[in-house]
């Protein structure tokens, strides 16, 4: 058996850069970092970044840090910090160092003071609206702020007073003094610090000024000795500012930033702001809703870390953005579970069948394979009796041509059991079929070698007296439109993204526990829900259906 994990690291441009840097002696030890902002749960795009950073560092016997870019206390929370730690661990990685941007606030402040002393930063009183006007346009240069030429002494005094809490939120900011005529907007005197009288999850009320991401991030990398700062393509235009901050703040270590394409997936959204909106407006059942593209959502739905790692490796690392078909991710969970998941039977829309010629009160144990693709898993015992449940759509009173399942006068095979033939149909007062009566042929027992005749249909079933009630949740894509449409994505929510059914599973499922995974005959792969399953209720989430037309491109 070949594991999805037994795959040689594929070459990509970032890996080649690392190899060259090591061979040329530019770096002695590779140090990467995964630097999430703790303002939401991680999604599948973050999983790609985690896998890239950790596997790259470990491949070259380096170090990978987990660092929280916690520079905005208004949006951050320890709930997100803990969730991110759990996600990284679940994906199979452990960090070589756990850091917080807030651990460096004092040094960042001192570096900002250095910039002021060098004439490279100034305190500005412009309102956010006026600041936008002064920045200019894509075709016109910006205009210097009237506060740009304050003296070093005045700027030092004002910045110290900002720290001491003498000004209101938004009243003043600290800006870098670079070039208001730069064609790169990020270099037009960007804001380095803003005032925010908000309590911080890590530092409490010690600070009322907080560094901006573009100032804090390169300093964090430099302080930690990061060699290869990997980020998504939207930060490419920020790289000149990244390099400026490191150089002008006179950092001893000089990290290098490299950009790669982010992961986009069809029929979903990858914006933490939009995902938070789905949660806040109760469109989904929290960040870990199985329809969400969050790592927590995939975990609750039943995806495995092995499948996600294999998917990320197959997607690879590219320089240009593209959108990956979600069916590709589904392919990898099927590949991972097909040899792991026990096979069993579940009836999601039950219809009762009474086998009139089977002895009343008798229960017979039948043998079935646990996984025909993995014989090492052995066999299981399933009960059979006079009363069973089948799927409602496995019976039709007036079937179309080429319908080979159960209908009056027709004979089918019960999976792992006998042939049964439909004789009578029982209906309620409204004409709905509520029960069917059949007879069975005891000579046709599975495994007995019976060859007297053949039937074209095989259906699954669950013995009625010992069946375990269960809830089944079937999922479709949350977003109907494959394109992220800014401002209108809520209009594209799929109203049929969740279907809840109530049926039965085999009695051997009584001992199942959250996160156990199974393949239900004909229905797909299912996972025991970790949130709503309890002693009185058994809930299964469908991970993925059994088949797909998707095929990996040939090498």
Protein backbone atom coordinates (compact mmCIF):
# COMPACT_ATOMS: atom_id res chain seq x y z
CA UNK A 1 0.00 0.00 0.00
CA UNK A 2 1.45 3.34 -1.10
CA UNK A 3 0.63 6.21 1.22
CA UNK A 4 -0.20 9.67 -0.04
CA UNK A 5 2.53 10.82 2.31
CA UNK A 6 5.26 8.91 0.45
CA UNK A 7 5.83 11.62 -2.08
CA UNK A 8 9.14 13.28 -2.87
CA UNK A 9 9.08 17.05 -2.44
CA UNK A 10 8.25 18.56 -5.81
CA UNK A 11 10.40 21.31 -7.19
CA UNK A 12 9.11 24.88 -7.23
CA UNK A 13 10.67 28.29 -7.62
CA UNK A 14 10.80 28.99 -3.86
CA UNK A 15 12.41 25.64 -3.11
CA UNK A 16 14.96 26.33 -5.85
CA UNK A 17 15.74 29.73 -4.28
CA UNK A 18 16.34 28.04 -0.92
CA UNK A 19 18.64 25.46 -2.52
CA UNK A 20 20.63 28.20 -4.27
CA UNK A 21 20.87 30.28 -1.08
CA UNK A 22 22.25 27.33 0.86
CA UNK A 23 24.70 26.32 -1.86
CA UNK A 24 25.95 29.89 -2.27
CA UNK A 25 26.29 30.39 1.48
CA UNK A 26 23.78 33.23 1.65
CA UNK A 27 22.08 31.46 4.55
CA UNK A 28 23.41 28.90 6.99
CA UNK A 29 20.09 27.72 8.35
CA UNK A 30 16.66 28.03 6.73
CA UNK A 31 14.13 29.76 8.98
CA UNK A 32 10.54 30.24 7.81
CA UNK A 33 7.45 31.36 9.64
CA UNK A 34 3.69 31.11 9.40
CA UNK A 35 2.40 34.51 10.62
CA UNK A 36 -1.41 34.56 10.90
CA UNK A 37 -3.37 37.48 12.28
CA UNK A 38 -5.57 36.12 15.11
CA UNK A 39 -8.72 37.78 13.77
CA UNK A 40 -10.54 34.69 12.51
CA UNK A 41 -10.21 30.99 11.83
CA UNK A 42 -7.78 29.68 9.24
CA UNK A 43 -9.06 28.48 5.87
CA UNK A 44 -7.78 26.04 3.25
CA UNK A 45 -5.59 28.76 1.71
CA UNK A 46 -3.79 29.12 5.02
CA UNK A 47 -3.33 25.35 5.06
CA UNK A 48 -1.33 25.64 1.83
CA UNK A 49 0.88 28.33 3.42
CA UNK A 50 1.35 26.29 6.61
CA UNK A 51 2.36 23.20 4.65
CA UNK A 52 4.75 25.19 2.44
CA UNK A 53 6.52 26.95 5.32
CA UNK A 54 6.81 23.97 7.65
CA UNK A 55 7.75 21.36 5.05
CA UNK A 56 10.28 23.67 3.39
CA UNK A 57 12.05 24.38 6.68
CA UNK A 58 12.03 20.77 7.81
CA UNK A 59 13.21 19.44 4.43
CA UNK A 60 16.41 21.46 4.82
CA UNK A 61 16.77 20.78 8.58
CA UNK A 62 15.82 24.35 9.39
CA UNK A 63 13.24 25.91 11.68
CA UNK A 64 9.62 26.96 11.21
CA UNK A 65 8.06 29.50 13.55
CA UNK A 66 4.43 30.05 14.39
CA UNK A 67 3.99 33.76 14.96
CA UNK A 68 0.83 35.72 15.62
CA UNK A 69 0.74 39.13 13.94
CA UNK A 70 -1.40 40.55 16.70
CA UNK A 71 -1.14 44.28 15.98
CA UNK A 72 -4.87 45.10 15.84
CA UNK A 73 -6.52 44.52 19.24
CA UNK A 74 -9.96 45.56 18.00
CA UNK A 75 -10.33 42.43 15.83
CA UNK A 76 -8.21 39.88 17.69
CA UNK A 77 -9.12 37.32 20.32
CA UNK A 78 -7.55 34.44 22.24
CA UNK A 79 -10.24 32.16 20.74
CA UNK A 80 -8.57 32.64 17.37
CA UNK A 81 -5.09 32.12 18.82
CA UNK A 82 -6.12 28.78 20.29
CA UNK A 83 -7.96 27.72 17.14
CA UNK A 84 -4.93 28.48 14.97
CA UNK A 85 -2.64 26.45 17.24
CA UNK A 86 -5.06 23.52 17.03
CA UNK A 87 -5.22 23.74 13.24
CA UNK A 88 -1.44 23.72 12.81
CA UNK A 89 -1.11 20.74 15.14
CA UNK A 90 -3.94 18.89 13.42
CA UNK A 91 -2.28 19.35 10.03
CA UNK A 92 0.67 17.46 11.48
CA UNK A 93 3.17 20.19 12.31
CA UNK A 94 4.90 21.50 15.41
CA UNK A 95 6.56 24.87 15.55
CA UNK A 96 10.20 25.44 16.47
CA UNK A 97 9.23 28.69 18.16
CA UNK A 98 5.97 30.32 19.20
CA UNK A 99 6.01 34.11 18.96
CA UNK A 100 3.71 37.11 19.09
CA UNK A 101 4.23 40.46 17.39
CA UNK A 102 3.10 42.00 20.67
CA UNK A 103 6.20 40.52 22.34
CA UNK A 104 8.21 43.01 20.27
CA UNK A 105 6.13 46.16 20.84
CA UNK A 106 8.83 47.85 22.89
CA UNK A 107 11.52 47.21 20.29
CA UNK A 108 9.17 48.33 17.49
CA UNK A 109 8.53 51.56 19.37
CA UNK A 110 12.26 52.13 19.76
CA UNK A 111 12.81 51.50 16.03
CA UNK A 112 10.08 54.04 15.26
CA UNK A 113 11.87 56.54 17.50
CA UNK A 114 15.06 55.82 15.52
CA UNK A 115 13.23 56.66 12.29
CA UNK A 116 12.06 59.95 13.77
CA UNK A 117 15.58 60.83 14.87
CA UNK A 118 16.84 60.08 11.35
CA UNK A 119 14.18 62.33 9.85
CA UNK A 120 12.46 59.31 8.30
CA UNK A 121 9.15 59.52 10.20
CA UNK A 122 6.79 62.23 11.41
CA UNK A 123 3.58 62.65 13.39
CA UNK A 124 0.67 63.67 11.16
CA UNK A 125 -2.62 65.29 12.22
CA UNK A 126 -4.48 64.83 8.94
CA UNK A 127 -7.85 63.10 9.12
CA UNK A 128 -8.14 59.77 7.27
CA UNK A 129 -10.24 61.48 4.60
CA UNK A 130 -7.68 64.25 4.02
CA UNK A 131 -4.85 61.73 4.04
CA UNK A 132 -6.53 59.85 1.20
CA UNK A 133 -6.89 63.07 -0.78
CA UNK A 134 -3.25 63.99 -0.25
CA UNK A 135 -2.07 60.56 -1.48
CA UNK A 136 -2.91 61.39 -5.09
CA UNK A 137 -4.07 58.96 -7.77
CA UNK A 138 -2.58 56.36 -10.07
CA UNK A 139 -1.82 59.12 -12.59
CA UNK A 140 -1.11 62.02 -10.21
CA UNK A 141 1.54 62.19 -7.46
CA UNK A 142 0.58 62.77 -3.87
CA UNK A 143 0.93 66.04 -1.99
CA UNK A 144 3.04 66.51 1.13
CA UNK A 145 1.13 66.76 4.37
CA UNK A 146 1.36 70.22 6.01
CA UNK A 147 2.76 68.38 9.06
CA UNK A 148 5.49 66.59 7.10
CA UNK A 149 8.23 69.06 8.04
CA UNK A 150 7.78 69.05 11.78
CA UNK A 151 11.08 69.08 13.62
CA UNK A 152 12.62 65.93 15.03
CA UNK A 153 12.13 67.30 18.53
CA UNK A 154 8.43 68.02 18.00
CA UNK A 155 7.86 64.58 16.44
CA UNK A 156 9.63 62.84 19.33
CA UNK A 157 7.51 64.76 21.83
CA UNK A 158 4.23 64.06 20.01
CA UNK A 159 5.03 60.38 19.53
CA UNK A 160 5.82 59.99 23.24
CA UNK A 161 2.55 61.71 24.10
CA UNK A 162 0.72 59.40 21.71
CA UNK A 163 2.13 56.49 23.67
CA UNK A 164 1.13 58.11 26.95
CA UNK A 165 -2.50 58.27 25.86
CA UNK A 166 -2.87 62.04 25.54
CA UNK A 167 -4.71 61.89 22.21
CA UNK A 168 -7.94 60.32 21.00
CA UNK A 169 -8.25 57.48 18.51
CA UNK A 170 -7.56 58.77 15.01
CA UNK A 171 -6.33 62.16 16.21
CA UNK A 172 -2.74 61.52 15.16
CA UNK A 173 -0.64 58.89 13.38
CA UNK A 174 3.03 58.27 12.82
CA UNK A 175 3.96 58.15 9.13
CA UNK A 176 7.12 57.15 7.31
CA UNK A 177 8.72 59.95 5.30
CA UNK A 178 9.52 58.33 1.96
CA UNK A 179 8.21 59.70 -1.35
CA UNK A 180 4.76 61.15 -2.01
CA UNK A 181 5.44 60.99 -5.74
CA UNK A 182 6.31 57.29 -5.80
CA UNK A 183 4.43 55.24 -8.41
CA UNK A 184 3.99 52.64 -5.66
CA UNK A 185 1.20 53.83 -3.35
CA UNK A 186 2.67 51.82 -0.49
CA UNK A 187 5.69 54.14 -0.50
CA UNK A 188 3.69 57.40 -0.29
CA UNK A 189 4.41 58.07 3.38
CA UNK A 190 2.58 55.03 4.79
CA UNK A 191 1.19 55.06 8.31
CA UNK A 192 3.44 53.24 10.80
CA UNK A 193 1.48 53.71 14.04
CA UNK A 194 -2.12 54.55 14.91
CA UNK A 195 -3.83 55.32 18.22
CA UNK A 196 -6.26 52.70 19.54
CA UNK A 197 -7.46 52.81 23.15
CA UNK A 198 -8.37 49.12 23.08
CA UNK A 199 -7.35 46.30 25.38
CA UNK A 200 -5.01 43.78 23.77
CA UNK A 201 -5.41 40.02 24.29
CA UNK A 202 -1.70 39.66 25.14
CA UNK A 203 -0.54 43.03 26.51
CA UNK A 204 -3.76 44.21 28.15
CA UNK A 205 -3.90 47.99 28.50
CA UNK A 206 -0.16 48.60 28.41
CA UNK A 207 -0.32 50.17 24.96
CA UNK A 208 -2.69 52.61 23.29
CA UNK A 209 -0.67 52.91 20.07
CA UNK A 210 -0.20 49.94 17.78
CA UNK A 211 2.11 49.39 14.80
CA UNK A 212 0.64 48.86 11.37
CA UNK A 213 1.12 45.47 9.74
CA UNK A 214 3.51 46.74 7.06
CA UNK A 215 5.79 48.18 9.73
CA UNK A 216 5.55 45.36 12.25
CA UNK A 217 5.84 42.42 9.88
CA UNK A 218 9.35 43.03 8.48
CA UNK A 219 10.63 43.89 11.96
CA UNK A 220 9.26 40.60 13.34
CA UNK A 221 11.00 38.66 10.57
CA UNK A 222 14.26 40.49 11.21
CA UNK A 223 14.10 40.03 14.99
CA UNK A 224 13.46 36.28 14.63
CA UNK A 225 16.17 35.76 12.01
CA UNK A 226 13.75 34.59 9.33
CA UNK A 227 15.61 33.86 6.11
CA UNK A 228 12.75 33.37 3.67
CA UNK A 229 9.61 35.41 4.32
CA UNK A 230 6.95 33.72 2.19
CA UNK A 231 3.68 35.51 1.47
CA UNK A 232 0.94 35.66 -1.14
CA UNK A 233 1.09 37.72 -4.32
CA UNK A 234 -1.00 40.62 -3.01
CA UNK A 235 2.02 41.61 -0.92
CA UNK A 236 4.32 41.92 -3.92
CA UNK A 237 3.79 45.69 -4.11
CA UNK A 238 4.54 45.89 -0.39
CA UNK A 239 8.02 44.40 -0.77
CA UNK A 240 9.77 47.80 -1.36
CA UNK A 241 8.28 49.02 1.93
CA UNK A 242 9.29 45.75 3.63
CA UNK A 243 12.89 46.28 2.51
CA UNK A 244 12.78 49.99 3.43
CA UNK A 245 11.66 49.25 7.00
CA UNK A 246 14.38 46.63 7.53
CA UNK A 247 17.08 48.93 6.12
CA UNK A 248 16.04 52.22 7.73
CA UNK A 249 15.41 50.61 11.11
CA UNK A 250 18.98 49.30 10.86
CA UNK A 251 18.05 45.70 11.62
CA UNK A 252 21.03 43.38 12.04
CA UNK A 253 19.37 40.51 10.20
CA UNK A 254 18.01 41.14 6.70
CA UNK A 255 15.21 38.75 5.69
CA UNK A 256 14.00 38.44 2.11
CA UNK A 257 10.36 38.37 1.03
CA UNK A 258 9.13 36.01 -1.70
CA UNK A 259 5.59 35.94 -3.06
CA UNK A 260 3.60 32.98 -4.34
CA UNK A 261 0.06 32.50 -5.64
CA UNK A 262 -2.64 32.13 -3.02
CA UNK A 263 -5.02 29.18 -3.17
CA UNK A 264 -8.44 29.93 -4.64
CA UNK A 265 -11.11 27.24 -4.63
CA UNK A 266 -14.29 27.12 -6.71
CA UNK A 267 -17.69 27.63 -5.09
CA UNK A 268 -16.43 29.26 -1.94
CA UNK A 269 -15.00 32.49 -0.54
CA UNK A 270 -11.53 32.86 0.94
CA UNK A 271 -11.85 36.22 2.64
CA UNK A 272 -11.77 36.11 6.44
CA UNK A 273 -14.01 39.18 6.46
CA UNK A 274 -16.64 37.37 4.39
CA UNK A 275 -16.30 34.18 6.38
CA UNK A 276 -16.79 36.16 9.59
CA UNK A 277 -19.88 37.72 8.06
CA UNK A 278 -21.31 34.26 7.39
CA UNK A 279 -20.72 33.40 11.05
CA UNK A 280 -21.96 36.70 12.50
CA UNK A 281 -25.18 36.64 10.45
CA UNK A 282 -25.86 32.99 11.43
CA UNK A 283 -25.84 31.82 7.82
CA UNK A 284 -23.63 28.96 8.98
CA UNK A 285 -23.24 27.09 12.24
CA UNK A 286 -20.05 28.80 13.37
CA UNK A 287 -16.51 28.86 12.00
CA UNK A 288 -16.42 25.04 12.04
CA UNK A 289 -19.58 24.55 9.99
CA UNK A 290 -18.76 21.67 7.60
CA UNK A 291 -19.71 23.89 4.64
CA UNK A 292 -17.05 26.44 5.55
CA UNK A 293 -13.63 26.35 3.84
CA UNK A 294 -11.97 26.73 7.23
CA UNK A 295 -9.57 24.07 8.46
CA UNK A 296 -11.91 23.59 11.42
CA UNK A 297 -14.82 23.14 9.01
CA UNK A 298 -12.97 20.56 6.94
CA UNK A 299 -11.94 18.73 10.12
CA UNK A 300 -15.53 18.62 11.42
CA UNK A 301 -16.80 17.48 8.03
CA UNK A 302 -14.33 14.59 8.12
CA UNK A 303 -11.40 15.55 5.93
CA UNK A 304 -8.06 14.16 7.04
CA UNK A 305 -4.78 16.06 7.38
CA UNK A 306 -3.19 13.51 5.06
CA UNK A 307 -5.65 14.39 2.30
CA UNK A 308 -5.17 18.13 2.72
CA UNK A 309 -1.39 17.82 2.71
CA UNK A 310 -1.50 15.70 -0.45
CA UNK A 311 -3.85 18.22 -2.08
CA UNK A 312 -1.57 21.15 -1.22
CA UNK A 313 1.45 19.37 -2.65
CA UNK A 314 -0.40 18.59 -5.86
CA UNK A 315 -1.55 22.21 -6.24
CA UNK A 316 2.08 23.25 -5.89
CA UNK A 317 3.65 26.69 -5.62
CA UNK A 318 3.24 29.04 -8.57
CA UNK A 319 3.87 32.69 -9.39
CA UNK A 320 0.46 33.43 -10.91
CA UNK A 321 -3.00 33.18 -9.34
CA UNK A 322 -5.47 30.56 -10.47
CA UNK A 323 -8.60 28.83 -9.19
CA UNK A 324 -8.57 25.15 -8.28
CA UNK A 325 -11.65 22.99 -8.78
CA UNK A 326 -12.98 21.82 -5.40
CA UNK A 327 -13.39 18.36 -6.97
CA UNK A 328 -9.61 18.07 -6.87
CA UNK A 329 -9.69 18.32 -3.07
CA UNK A 330 -12.52 15.77 -2.98
CA UNK A 331 -10.35 13.42 -5.05
CA UNK A 332 -7.68 13.36 -2.36
CA UNK A 333 -10.04 12.59 0.51
CA UNK A 334 -11.47 9.67 -1.47
CA UNK A 335 -7.98 8.41 -2.16
CA UNK A 336 -7.04 8.68 1.51
CA UNK A 337 -10.18 7.03 2.90
CA UNK A 338 -10.74 4.23 0.42
CA UNK A 339 -8.29 1.94 2.25
CA UNK A 340 -8.97 3.29 5.75
CA UNK A 341 -12.73 3.65 6.10
CA UNK A 342 -14.80 0.63 7.15
CA UNK A 343 -17.73 -0.19 4.86
CA UNK A 344 -21.15 -0.39 6.42
CA UNK A 345 -24.78 0.16 5.49
CA UNK A 346 -26.99 3.12 6.32
CA UNK A 347 -30.54 3.89 5.26
CA UNK A 348 -31.09 7.64 5.01
CA UNK A 349 -34.74 7.68 3.83
CA UNK A 350 -36.18 4.53 5.39
CA UNK A 351 -39.00 2.43 4.02
CA UNK A 352 -40.03 -0.62 6.05
CA UNK A 353 -39.96 -4.07 4.45
CA UNK A 354 -41.64 -7.11 6.02
CA UNK A 355 -40.35 -10.46 4.74
CA UNK A 356 -43.51 -12.46 5.25
CA UNK A 357 -42.02 -15.95 4.88
CA UNK A 358 -39.09 -15.35 7.24
CA UNK A 359 -39.63 -16.87 10.72
CA UNK A 360 -41.01 -14.41 13.26
CA UNK A 361 -38.64 -13.67 16.16
CA UNK A 362 -35.61 -15.13 14.37
CA UNK A 363 -32.44 -13.07 14.00
CA UNK A 364 -29.70 -14.41 11.78
CA UNK A 365 -26.11 -13.14 11.74
CA UNK A 366 -24.58 -12.62 8.32
CA UNK A 367 -20.96 -11.99 7.43
CA UNK A 368 -19.75 -9.01 5.43
CA UNK A 369 -16.37 -7.57 4.53
CA UNK A 370 -15.29 -4.50 6.46
CA UNK A 371 -13.40 -3.13 3.46
CA UNK A 372 -13.15 -5.16 0.23
CA UNK A 373 -10.21 -2.99 -0.88
CA UNK A 374 -8.29 -3.77 2.31
CA UNK A 375 -8.72 -7.41 3.29
CA UNK A 376 -6.56 -6.92 6.39
CA UNK A 377 -9.52 -5.16 8.04
CA UNK A 378 -11.38 -8.49 8.19
CA UNK A 379 -15.13 -9.11 8.37
CA UNK A 380 -18.08 -7.92 10.43
CA UNK A 381 -21.33 -9.53 11.57
CA UNK A 382 -24.67 -7.96 10.67
CA UNK A 383 -28.12 -9.09 11.88
CA UNK A 384 -30.95 -10.06 9.52
CA UNK A 385 -34.57 -10.67 10.43
CA UNK A 386 -38.15 -10.53 9.21
CA UNK A 387 -38.22 -6.72 9.24
CA UNK A 388 -35.69 -4.48 7.57
CA UNK A 389 -35.39 -0.90 6.26
CA UNK A 390 -34.47 -0.02 2.70
CA UNK A 391 -34.14 3.34 0.94
CA UNK A 392 -37.40 4.85 -0.26
CA UNK A 393 -35.93 5.41 -3.71
CA UNK A 394 -35.03 1.72 -3.96
CA UNK A 395 -38.73 1.01 -4.47
CA UNK A 396 -41.14 2.26 -7.14
CA UNK A 397 -44.69 1.11 -7.62
CA UNK A 398 -44.71 2.09 -11.30
CA UNK A 399 -41.07 2.13 -12.40
CA UNK A 400 -39.68 3.40 -15.70
CA UNK A 401 -37.80 1.16 -18.12
CA UNK A 402 -34.41 -0.10 -16.94
CA UNK A 403 -35.29 0.38 -13.27
CA UNK A 404 -33.68 -2.67 -11.67
CA UNK A 405 -34.48 -2.11 -8.03
CA UNK A 406 -37.59 -3.20 -6.13
CA UNK A 407 -41.10 -2.99 -7.61
CA UNK A 408 -44.17 -5.25 -7.47
CA UNK A 409 -43.28 -8.64 -8.89
CA UNK A 410 -39.56 -7.90 -9.18
CA UNK A 411 -36.72 -9.64 -7.37
CA UNK A 412 -33.50 -8.02 -6.11
CA UNK A 413 -30.53 -9.03 -4.02
CA UNK A 414 -30.13 -7.62 -0.52
CA UNK A 415 -26.47 -6.77 -0.06
CA UNK A 416 -24.71 -9.58 1.88
CA UNK A 417 -28.08 -11.37 2.38
CA UNK A 418 -30.78 -12.93 0.17
CA UNK A 419 -32.94 -12.37 -2.89
CA UNK A 420 -36.31 -10.82 -2.01
CA UNK A 421 -39.38 -10.36 -4.19
CA UNK A 422 -42.02 -7.66 -3.73
CA UNK A 423 -45.56 -9.00 -3.35
CA UNK A 424 -47.70 -6.35 -1.64
CA UNK A 425 -47.66 -2.59 -1.08
CA UNK A 426 -49.16 -1.03 2.06
CA UNK A 427 -50.35 2.60 1.82
CA UNK A 428 -51.75 5.17 4.23
CA UNK A 429 -55.04 7.02 3.83
CA UNK A 430 -53.40 9.55 1.51
CA UNK A 431 -52.04 6.91 -0.81
CA UNK A 432 -48.43 7.11 0.38
CA UNK A 433 -46.43 3.88 0.46
CA UNK A 434 -45.56 3.17 4.10
CA UNK A 435 -44.56 -0.50 3.96
CA UNK A 436 -43.92 -3.23 1.45
CA UNK A 437 -44.27 -6.99 1.90
CA UNK A 438 -41.79 -9.35 0.30
CA UNK A 439 -40.77 -12.98 0.32
CA UNK A 440 -37.22 -14.24 0.41
CA UNK A 441 -35.54 -17.28 -1.13
CA UNK A 442 -33.41 -19.06 1.53
CA UNK A 443 -31.37 -20.76 -1.22
CA UNK A 444 -29.94 -17.43 -2.38
CA UNK A 445 -27.86 -16.53 0.67
CA UNK A 446 -24.75 -14.50 -0.18
CA UNK A 447 -21.61 -16.60 -0.18
CA UNK A 448 -23.55 -19.85 -0.60
CA UNK A 449 -22.56 -20.27 -4.23
CA UNK A 450 -26.15 -20.07 -5.51
CA UNK A 451 -26.24 -19.86 -9.35
CA UNK A 452 -29.81 -20.89 -10.09
CA UNK A 453 -30.74 -17.45 -11.42
CA UNK A 454 -29.49 -13.92 -11.48
CA UNK A 455 -30.98 -10.55 -10.61
CA UNK A 456 -29.95 -7.19 -11.98
CA UNK A 457 -30.36 -5.09 -8.85
CA UNK A 458 -28.60 -5.08 -5.48
CA UNK A 459 -29.86 -2.80 -2.71
CA UNK A 460 -28.65 -2.11 0.82
CA UNK A 461 -30.67 -2.40 3.99
CA UNK A 462 -30.57 -2.28 7.79
CA UNK A 463 -32.23 -4.79 10.11
CA UNK A 464 -35.15 -3.00 11.80
CA UNK A 465 -35.25 -4.27 15.38
CA UNK A 466 -31.62 -3.43 16.16
CA UNK A 467 -31.14 -0.46 13.84
CA UNK A 468 -29.54 2.62 15.39
CA UNK A 469 -31.32 5.93 14.65
CA UNK A 470 -29.07 8.58 13.15
CA UNK A 471 -29.17 12.01 11.57
CA UNK A 472 -27.43 12.46 8.24
CA UNK A 473 -26.25 15.83 6.93
CA UNK A 474 -25.63 16.07 3.21
CA UNK A 475 -23.71 19.05 1.89
CA UNK A 476 -23.53 20.92 -1.39
CA UNK A 477 -21.30 23.94 -2.17
CA UNK A 478 -22.13 26.94 -0.01
CA UNK A 479 -21.60 29.41 -2.86
CA UNK A 480 -23.42 28.93 -6.16
CA UNK A 481 -21.32 31.36 -8.14
CA UNK A 482 -17.75 30.21 -8.70
CA UNK A 483 -16.50 33.80 -8.79
CA UNK A 484 -16.02 35.89 -5.67
CA UNK A 485 -18.24 38.90 -6.31
CA UNK A 486 -17.31 41.69 -3.92
CA UNK A 487 -20.34 43.00 -2.06
CA UNK A 488 -22.82 40.50 -3.50
CA UNK A 489 -21.51 37.12 -2.42
CA UNK A 490 -24.43 36.73 0.03
CA UNK A 491 -26.76 36.80 -2.99
CA UNK A 492 -25.03 33.65 -4.21
CA UNK A 493 -25.55 31.57 -1.08
CA UNK A 494 -26.86 28.13 -2.02
CA UNK A 495 -30.21 27.64 -0.21
CA UNK A 496 -29.77 23.87 -0.63
CA UNK A 497 -26.24 23.65 0.77
CA UNK A 498 -27.48 21.47 3.65
CA UNK A 499 -30.01 18.63 3.62
CA UNK A 500 -30.83 16.85 6.88
CA UNK A 501 -32.24 13.31 6.80
CA UNK A 502 -33.20 10.92 9.58
CA UNK A 503 -32.60 7.22 9.12
CA UNK A 504 -30.76 4.23 10.53
CA UNK A 505 -27.35 2.59 10.66
CA UNK A 506 -26.23 -0.94 11.50
CA UNK A 507 -26.16 -1.86 15.22
CA UNK A 508 -22.35 -2.12 15.16
CA UNK A 509 -22.37 1.71 15.02
CA UNK A 510 -23.51 2.00 18.64
CA UNK A 511 -19.92 2.28 19.82
CA UNK A 512 -18.85 4.83 17.23
CA UNK A 513 -17.32 8.07 18.42
CA UNK A 514 -16.80 11.59 17.02
CA UNK A 515 -14.46 11.79 14.03
CA UNK A 516 -14.87 8.10 13.16
CA UNK A 517 -15.16 7.72 9.39
CA UNK A 518 -17.10 5.22 7.31
CA UNK A 519 -18.11 4.47 3.77
CA UNK A 520 -21.86 3.94 3.59
CA UNK A 521 -22.77 1.66 0.72
CA UNK A 522 -23.82 3.77 -2.30
CA UNK A 523 -24.05 6.99 -0.26
CA UNK A 524 -20.44 8.08 0.17
CA UNK A 525 -17.94 8.71 2.96
CA UNK A 526 -19.31 9.97 6.27
CA UNK A 527 -17.83 11.32 9.50
CA UNK A 528 -19.33 11.26 12.99
CA UNK A 529 -20.00 14.91 13.84
CA UNK A 530 -17.85 16.12 16.72
CA UNK A 531 -20.16 18.94 17.84
CA UNK A 532 -23.70 17.58 17.89
CA UNK A 533 -23.16 13.87 18.49
CA UNK A 534 -23.87 12.84 22.09
CA UNK A 535 -25.23 9.91 24.05
CA UNK A 536 -28.76 10.51 22.77
CA UNK A 537 -28.01 11.58 19.22
CA UNK A 538 -25.78 10.20 16.46
CA UNK A 539 -24.99 12.66 13.65
CA UNK A 540 -23.11 11.87 10.45
CA UNK A 541 -21.68 14.46 8.07
CA UNK A 542 -21.20 13.37 4.49
CA UNK A 543 -17.59 14.11 3.65
CA UNK A 544 -17.86 13.37 -0.04
CA UNK A 545 -19.90 11.24 -2.42
CA UNK A 546 -18.43 8.00 -3.76
CA UNK A 547 -17.65 8.99 -7.31
CA UNK A 548 -16.58 12.00 -9.32
CA UNK A 549 -15.72 12.65 -12.94
CA UNK A 550 -12.60 14.52 -11.83
CA UNK A 551 -9.22 13.11 -12.82
CA UNK A 552 -5.78 14.43 -11.98
CA UNK A 553 -3.93 15.69 -15.06
CA UNK A 554 -1.37 13.20 -16.29
CA UNK A 555 2.27 14.07 -15.69
